[in-house]
Protein backbone atom coordinates (compact mmCIF):
# COMPACT_ATOMS: atom_id res chain seq x y z
CA MET A 1 14.52 8.59 -4.44
CA ASN A 2 13.84 8.15 -8.15
CA ARG A 3 10.33 6.86 -8.80
CA ARG A 4 9.96 7.79 -12.47
CA SER A 5 8.10 5.32 -14.56
CA VAL A 6 10.26 3.26 -16.92
CA LEU A 7 9.47 0.63 -19.48
CA GLY A 8 8.97 -2.84 -17.99
CA LEU A 9 9.83 -6.18 -19.48
CA ALA A 10 8.28 -6.88 -22.87
CA ALA A 11 5.26 -9.14 -22.56
CA GLY A 12 4.65 -11.98 -24.90
CA ALA A 13 8.31 -12.90 -25.47
CA ILE A 14 8.49 -15.99 -27.69
CA ALA A 15 10.87 -18.81 -26.82
CA LEU A 16 11.73 -21.84 -28.88
CA PRO A 17 9.77 -24.90 -27.68
CA ALA A 18 12.90 -26.67 -26.50
CA LEU A 19 13.87 -23.66 -24.43
CA ARG A 20 10.43 -22.81 -23.07
CA PRO A 21 10.41 -22.61 -19.25
CA ALA A 22 8.52 -25.23 -17.28
CA TRP A 23 5.79 -22.73 -16.58
CA GLY A 24 4.22 -21.16 -19.67
CA GLN A 25 2.59 -17.81 -20.20
CA ASN A 26 -0.97 -19.08 -20.44
CA PHE A 27 -3.57 -19.28 -17.69
CA ASP A 28 -5.16 -22.70 -17.36
CA HIS A 29 -6.95 -22.37 -14.01
CA PRO A 30 -8.35 -19.56 -11.83
CA VAL A 31 -6.00 -16.84 -10.68
CA ARG A 32 -5.92 -15.79 -7.04
CA ILE A 33 -5.11 -12.28 -5.90
CA ILE A 34 -4.06 -12.51 -2.25
CA VAL A 35 -4.78 -9.32 -0.32
CA PRO A 36 -3.05 -9.59 3.07
CA PHE A 37 -5.37 -7.09 4.75
CA ALA A 38 -9.02 -6.98 5.72
CA PRO A 39 -11.79 -6.06 3.26
CA GLY A 40 -12.39 -2.34 2.81
CA GLY A 41 -8.77 -1.18 2.79
CA THR A 42 -6.90 0.30 -0.17
CA SER A 43 -5.40 -3.01 -1.33
CA ASP A 44 -8.76 -4.76 -1.18
CA ILE A 45 -10.57 -1.95 -3.02
CA LEU A 46 -7.97 -1.94 -5.78
CA ALA A 47 -7.94 -5.73 -6.19
CA ARG A 48 -11.71 -5.82 -6.62
CA ILE A 49 -11.61 -2.99 -9.15
CA LEU A 50 -9.05 -4.86 -11.27
CA ALA A 51 -10.44 -8.39 -10.95
CA PRO A 52 -13.14 -8.14 -13.69
CA ASP A 53 -10.73 -6.70 -16.29
CA LEU A 54 -8.09 -9.30 -15.44
CA THR A 55 -10.65 -12.09 -15.66
CA ARG A 56 -11.28 -11.08 -19.26
CA ALA A 57 -7.58 -10.69 -20.02
CA PHE A 58 -6.53 -14.02 -18.51
CA GLY A 59 -9.53 -16.00 -19.72
CA GLN A 60 -9.86 -17.39 -16.20
CA ASN A 61 -11.73 -16.28 -13.11
CA VAL A 62 -9.72 -13.93 -10.92
CA VAL A 63 -10.62 -14.41 -7.26
CA VAL A 64 -9.70 -11.98 -4.49
CA GLU A 65 -8.79 -13.65 -1.18
CA ASN A 66 -8.16 -11.75 2.06
CA ARG A 67 -5.44 -13.45 4.12
CA THR A 68 -4.91 -11.16 7.07
CA GLY A 69 -2.42 -11.09 9.90
CA ALA A 70 1.17 -10.29 10.90
CA GLY A 71 1.22 -6.95 9.11
CA GLY A 72 0.68 -8.56 5.72
CA ASN A 73 3.24 -11.35 6.17
CA ILE A 74 0.70 -14.18 6.31
CA GLY A 75 -0.67 -13.29 2.89
CA ALA A 76 2.82 -12.70 1.51
CA ASP A 77 3.88 -16.13 2.72
CA VAL A 78 0.94 -17.74 0.90
CA VAL A 79 2.26 -16.33 -2.36
CA ALA A 80 5.90 -17.08 -1.52
CA LYS A 81 5.02 -20.76 -1.05
CA SER A 82 2.69 -21.03 -4.06
CA PRO A 83 3.61 -22.72 -7.36
CA PRO A 84 5.70 -20.39 -9.54
CA ASP A 85 3.16 -20.35 -12.35
CA GLY A 86 1.79 -16.80 -12.14
CA HIS A 87 -1.61 -17.96 -10.88
CA THR A 88 -1.20 -16.69 -7.31
CA LEU A 89 -0.51 -12.97 -6.95
CA LEU A 90 0.07 -10.68 -3.99
CA LEU A 91 -1.50 -7.22 -4.05
CA ILE A 92 -0.11 -5.25 -1.16
CA ASP A 93 0.97 -1.88 0.13
CA VAL A 94 4.59 -2.44 -0.79
CA SER A 95 5.92 0.13 1.66
CA THR A 96 4.51 -2.10 4.38
CA LEU A 97 6.11 -5.14 2.78
CA ALA A 98 9.44 -3.31 2.65
CA THR A 99 9.51 -2.87 6.44
CA ALA A 100 9.19 -6.60 7.16
CA PRO A 101 12.91 -7.52 6.94
CA SER A 102 13.72 -4.85 9.54
CA LEU A 103 10.84 -5.62 11.89
CA TYR A 104 11.21 -9.40 11.96
CA SER A 105 14.46 -11.27 12.52
CA ARG A 106 12.84 -14.44 11.22
CA LEU A 107 10.39 -14.16 8.36
CA PRO A 108 8.84 -17.34 6.91
CA PHE A 109 9.95 -16.15 3.48
CA ASP A 110 12.86 -14.29 1.94
CA LEU A 111 11.47 -11.11 0.41
CA LYS A 112 14.06 -10.81 -2.35
CA ARG A 113 14.20 -14.52 -3.20
CA ASP A 114 10.64 -15.75 -2.73
CA LEU A 115 8.63 -12.86 -4.20
CA ALA A 116 9.01 -11.44 -7.71
CA PRO A 117 7.96 -7.82 -8.34
CA VAL A 118 5.51 -7.69 -11.25
CA THR A 119 4.30 -4.10 -11.41
CA MET A 120 3.61 -1.11 -9.25
CA LEU A 121 -0.04 -0.09 -9.48
CA ILE A 122 -0.83 3.20 -7.82
CA TYR A 123 0.37 5.84 -5.47
CA ALA A 124 -2.24 7.28 -3.14
CA PRO A 125 -1.22 9.94 -0.65
CA TYR A 126 -2.02 9.63 3.00
CA ILE A 127 -4.67 11.78 4.59
CA LEU A 128 -4.10 12.80 8.18
CA ALA A 129 -7.60 13.13 9.61
CA VAL A 130 -9.21 13.46 13.01
CA HIS A 131 -12.53 12.58 14.56
CA PRO A 132 -14.83 15.64 14.60
CA SER A 133 -14.74 15.67 18.40
CA VAL A 134 -11.11 16.79 18.31
CA PRO A 135 -11.11 20.58 18.83
CA ALA A 136 -8.74 21.31 15.96
CA ARG A 137 -9.69 22.50 12.51
CA ASN A 138 -6.20 22.91 11.06
CA ALA A 139 -2.67 21.61 11.49
CA GLN A 140 -1.52 24.34 13.87
CA GLU A 141 -4.47 23.76 16.20
CA LEU A 142 -3.96 20.00 16.09
CA VAL A 143 -0.28 20.21 17.02
CA ALA A 144 -1.09 22.59 19.88
CA TYR A 145 -3.87 20.31 21.14
CA ALA A 146 -1.69 17.20 20.94
CA LYS A 147 1.14 18.86 22.86
CA ALA A 148 -1.23 20.17 25.50
CA ASN A 149 -2.84 16.73 26.01
CA PRO A 150 -0.03 14.15 26.19
CA GLN A 151 -1.12 10.54 25.64
CA ARG A 152 -4.77 11.59 25.30
CA VAL A 153 -4.81 11.51 21.51
CA ASN A 154 -5.00 7.94 20.20
CA VAL A 155 -3.59 7.36 16.72
CA GLY A 156 -5.25 4.43 14.96
CA HIS A 157 -3.10 2.64 12.41
CA ALA A 158 -3.07 -0.56 10.36
CA GLY A 159 -0.48 -2.40 12.46
CA ILE A 160 2.95 -1.98 14.03
CA GLY A 161 5.59 -1.27 11.44
CA VAL A 162 3.27 -0.64 8.50
CA GLY A 163 3.73 2.51 6.44
CA ASN A 164 1.10 4.66 8.11
CA HIS A 165 2.37 3.71 11.57
CA LEU A 166 5.95 4.70 10.73
CA THR A 167 4.78 7.90 9.06
CA GLY A 168 2.77 8.71 12.18
CA LEU A 169 5.81 8.19 14.37
CA LEU A 170 7.94 10.51 12.25
CA VAL A 171 5.29 13.23 12.17
CA THR A 172 4.34 13.20 15.86
CA GLN A 173 8.01 13.13 16.87
CA HIS A 174 8.49 16.19 14.68
CA TRP A 175 5.63 17.86 16.54
CA GLY A 176 7.24 17.07 19.89
CA ALA A 177 3.94 15.59 21.03
CA ASP A 178 3.30 12.40 23.00
CA LEU A 179 0.48 10.53 21.27
CA THR A 180 -0.67 6.97 21.89
CA GLN A 181 -0.23 4.63 18.91
CA VAL A 182 -3.05 2.06 18.68
CA PRO A 183 -2.65 -0.81 16.18
CA TYR A 184 -5.67 -2.38 14.47
CA ARG A 185 -6.05 -5.31 12.11
CA GLY A 186 -5.70 -3.31 8.93
CA GLY A 187 -6.52 0.16 7.67
CA ALA A 188 -10.24 -0.51 7.38
CA ALA A 189 -10.48 -1.45 11.06
CA ALA A 190 -8.47 1.63 12.03
CA LEU A 191 -10.75 3.85 9.95
CA THR A 192 -13.84 2.37 11.59
CA ALA A 193 -12.34 2.93 15.03
CA VAL A 194 -11.49 6.58 14.39
CA ALA A 195 -14.84 7.24 12.72
CA ALA A 196 -16.51 5.84 15.85
CA GLY A 197 -14.40 8.02 18.16
CA GLU A 198 -12.56 5.05 19.65
CA ALA A 199 -9.34 6.70 18.45
CA GLN A 200 -8.95 10.34 17.53
CA LEU A 201 -6.44 10.53 14.68
CA ILE A 202 -5.48 8.50 11.66
CA ILE A 203 -2.96 8.68 8.83
CA ASN A 204 -4.23 6.44 6.06
CA GLY A 205 -4.43 6.07 2.29
CA ALA A 206 -6.63 8.60 0.51
CA THR A 207 -8.33 5.83 -1.47
CA ALA A 208 -10.02 4.46 1.63
CA THR A 209 -10.06 7.61 3.79
CA ALA A 210 -11.44 10.26 1.42
CA PRO A 211 -15.04 8.93 1.52
CA PHE A 212 -15.09 9.32 5.30
CA CYS A 213 -13.85 12.89 4.94
CA ARG A 214 -16.42 13.74 2.27
CA GLN A 215 -19.17 12.41 4.53
CA GLY A 216 -17.95 14.50 7.46
CA THR A 217 -17.24 11.40 9.56
CA LEU A 218 -13.59 12.47 9.66
CA ARG A 219 -12.00 15.90 9.34
CA PRO A 220 -8.97 16.11 7.00
CA ILE A 221 -6.06 18.10 8.39
CA ALA A 222 -3.15 17.45 6.01
CA VAL A 223 -2.13 15.20 3.10
CA THR A 224 1.12 13.73 1.85
CA GLY A 225 2.17 13.82 -1.77
CA PRO A 226 3.31 16.55 -4.14
CA ALA A 227 0.07 18.52 -4.29
CA ARG A 228 -3.20 19.17 -2.50
CA LEU A 229 -6.06 16.84 -3.31
CA THR A 230 -8.72 18.11 -5.70
CA ASP A 231 -11.51 17.10 -3.33
CA PHE A 232 -9.88 18.95 -0.42
CA PRO A 233 -8.26 22.06 -1.89
CA ASP A 234 -8.03 23.81 1.49
CA VAL A 235 -6.12 20.97 3.14
CA PRO A 236 -2.33 21.60 3.02
CA THR A 237 0.35 19.07 2.21
CA PHE A 238 2.95 17.82 4.68
CA GLN A 239 5.55 19.58 2.55
CA GLU A 240 3.77 22.93 2.89
CA LEU A 241 3.67 22.43 6.66
CA GLY A 242 7.34 21.48 6.86
CA TRP A 243 6.55 18.00 8.18
CA PRO A 244 8.70 14.92 7.46
CA ALA A 245 7.64 11.93 5.32
CA ALA A 246 6.09 14.30 2.78
CA ASP A 247 6.25 11.72 -0.01
CA SER A 248 4.99 8.78 2.03
CA GLY A 249 1.70 7.18 1.14
CA THR A 250 0.26 3.92 0.00
CA TRP A 251 2.24 2.44 -2.87
CA GLN A 252 0.26 -0.55 -4.09
CA GLY A 253 1.94 -3.21 -6.17
CA VAL A 254 1.64 -6.79 -7.39
CA LEU A 255 4.16 -9.56 -6.80
CA ALA A 256 4.29 -13.21 -7.85
CA GLN A 257 6.15 -16.21 -6.49
CA GLY A 258 9.90 -15.66 -6.75
CA GLY A 259 10.54 -18.52 -9.16
CA THR A 260 8.00 -17.37 -11.74
CA ALA A 261 9.51 -17.38 -15.22
CA ALA A 262 10.39 -13.99 -16.70
CA PRO A 263 8.04 -14.36 -19.70
CA MET A 264 5.10 -14.98 -17.35
CA VAL A 265 6.09 -12.03 -15.16
CA GLY A 266 6.27 -9.95 -18.32
CA ARG A 267 2.81 -11.01 -19.45
CA LEU A 268 1.35 -10.36 -16.00
CA ALA A 269 2.88 -6.88 -15.95
CA SER A 270 1.58 -6.11 -19.43
CA GLU A 271 -1.97 -7.35 -18.78
CA ILE A 272 -2.20 -5.54 -15.46
CA ARG A 273 -0.95 -2.26 -16.95
CA THR A 274 -3.49 -2.65 -19.75
CA ALA A 275 -6.26 -3.23 -17.21
CA MET A 276 -5.19 -0.13 -15.30
CA ALA A 277 -5.57 1.92 -18.48
CA VAL A 278 -9.16 0.85 -19.21
CA PRO A 279 -11.01 4.22 -19.15
CA ALA A 280 -13.68 3.20 -16.63
CA THR A 281 -11.06 1.65 -14.34
CA ALA A 282 -8.74 4.63 -14.69
CA GLU A 283 -11.60 6.98 -13.78
CA ARG A 284 -12.42 4.96 -10.67
CA ILE A 285 -8.79 5.01 -9.56
CA THR A 286 -8.55 8.77 -10.10
CA ALA A 287 -11.80 9.30 -8.21
CA LEU A 288 -10.28 7.45 -5.27
CA GLY A 289 -7.48 9.99 -5.04
CA ALA A 290 -4.86 7.65 -6.51
CA VAL A 291 -2.34 8.11 -9.32
CA ASN A 292 -1.60 5.34 -11.82
CA ARG A 293 2.03 4.30 -11.35
CA ALA A 294 1.92 0.99 -13.22
CA GLU A 295 5.39 0.17 -14.48
CA GLY A 296 7.59 -2.81 -15.22
CA PRO A 297 9.25 -5.39 -12.98
CA ASP A 298 12.76 -3.94 -13.13
CA SER A 299 11.85 -0.45 -11.95
CA PHE A 300 9.56 -1.94 -9.30
CA ARG A 301 12.41 -4.06 -7.94
CA THR A 302 14.71 -1.04 -7.79
CA TRP A 303 12.03 0.94 -5.96
CA LEU A 304 11.44 -1.90 -3.49
CA ASP A 305 15.14 -2.32 -2.71
CA ASN A 306 15.34 1.41 -2.02
CA GLU A 307 12.29 1.33 0.26
CA ILE A 308 13.74 -1.54 2.28
CA GLU A 309 16.78 0.61 3.04
CA VAL A 310 14.79 3.82 3.73
CA TRP A 311 12.36 2.27 6.20
CA SER A 312 14.98 0.10 7.90
CA ARG A 313 16.56 3.33 9.17
CA VAL A 314 13.22 4.45 10.65
CA VAL A 315 12.64 1.06 12.26
CA ARG A 316 16.11 1.06 13.83
CA ALA A 317 15.78 4.65 15.03
CA ASN A 318 12.56 3.76 16.85
CA ASN A 319 13.84 0.41 18.14
CA LEU A 320 10.86 -1.44 16.67
CA ARG A 321 10.84 -5.23 16.70
CA LEU A 322 7.97 -7.68 16.32
CA ASP A 323 9.67 -10.91 17.42
């Protein structure tokens, strides 16, 4: 799929007063960033990095709220039902959001109608890591161990149907191994469980997982994405290993309420992209193993529509339903 950055909508478009939409482009009260996962995960980390820069840009306090549950759908629904004024934003792993229409026959919101893509933010590859108690120091040893110990390797993930769960299913099916998938309430909870030895394996965003690997709490085995990570030069990519889902990972993006006027969406996209380019912020994002992929609403919508189709095939193939 084509994920090249393209120019987004021009921010600051000027309309004649008589034609100005009901909702303007200015911020007249605090802005909420709804993160639909628990604190400590990639979405939460990124929201809190951006909040200070956006507070200055908007001239209003930017508050991060964690609204967890239902694989991100509870938080998404908060935004879908908010006023269409650009003051309530959803920051989410959009691959996870893209699986919702396939997993649920009845969502409380219509993804394409009730949420407006504003901008992609980052791509962070997944790290496949194991607890140090697992007697495998590389991919070949891990596959052999998993096949020799059916159902004895627990895979912690952020919830049924989210991106790292589906990636895990594809990879372990490719191995021909029978692993036990264990859902937790978000990536941070899954990380904590694997670090404690409650589960043995995790596939999770590098932003949140790399610190555990640097500390030796987890052992990295493989990474997604086009290249090895600088911090872990000896850890091969999925592509090098011939594993599926080589380009999967955490794609973080921002959406607004679906009825938000185009000029406001344009301003939001512009201000967020500017905040992402602040040198100190850009350095923090790079240090977290992420790549800046901030781009405009149109390309984001195209990407999201494509993801919905891609992951729907995986959901159907694995007969996954959550209602």
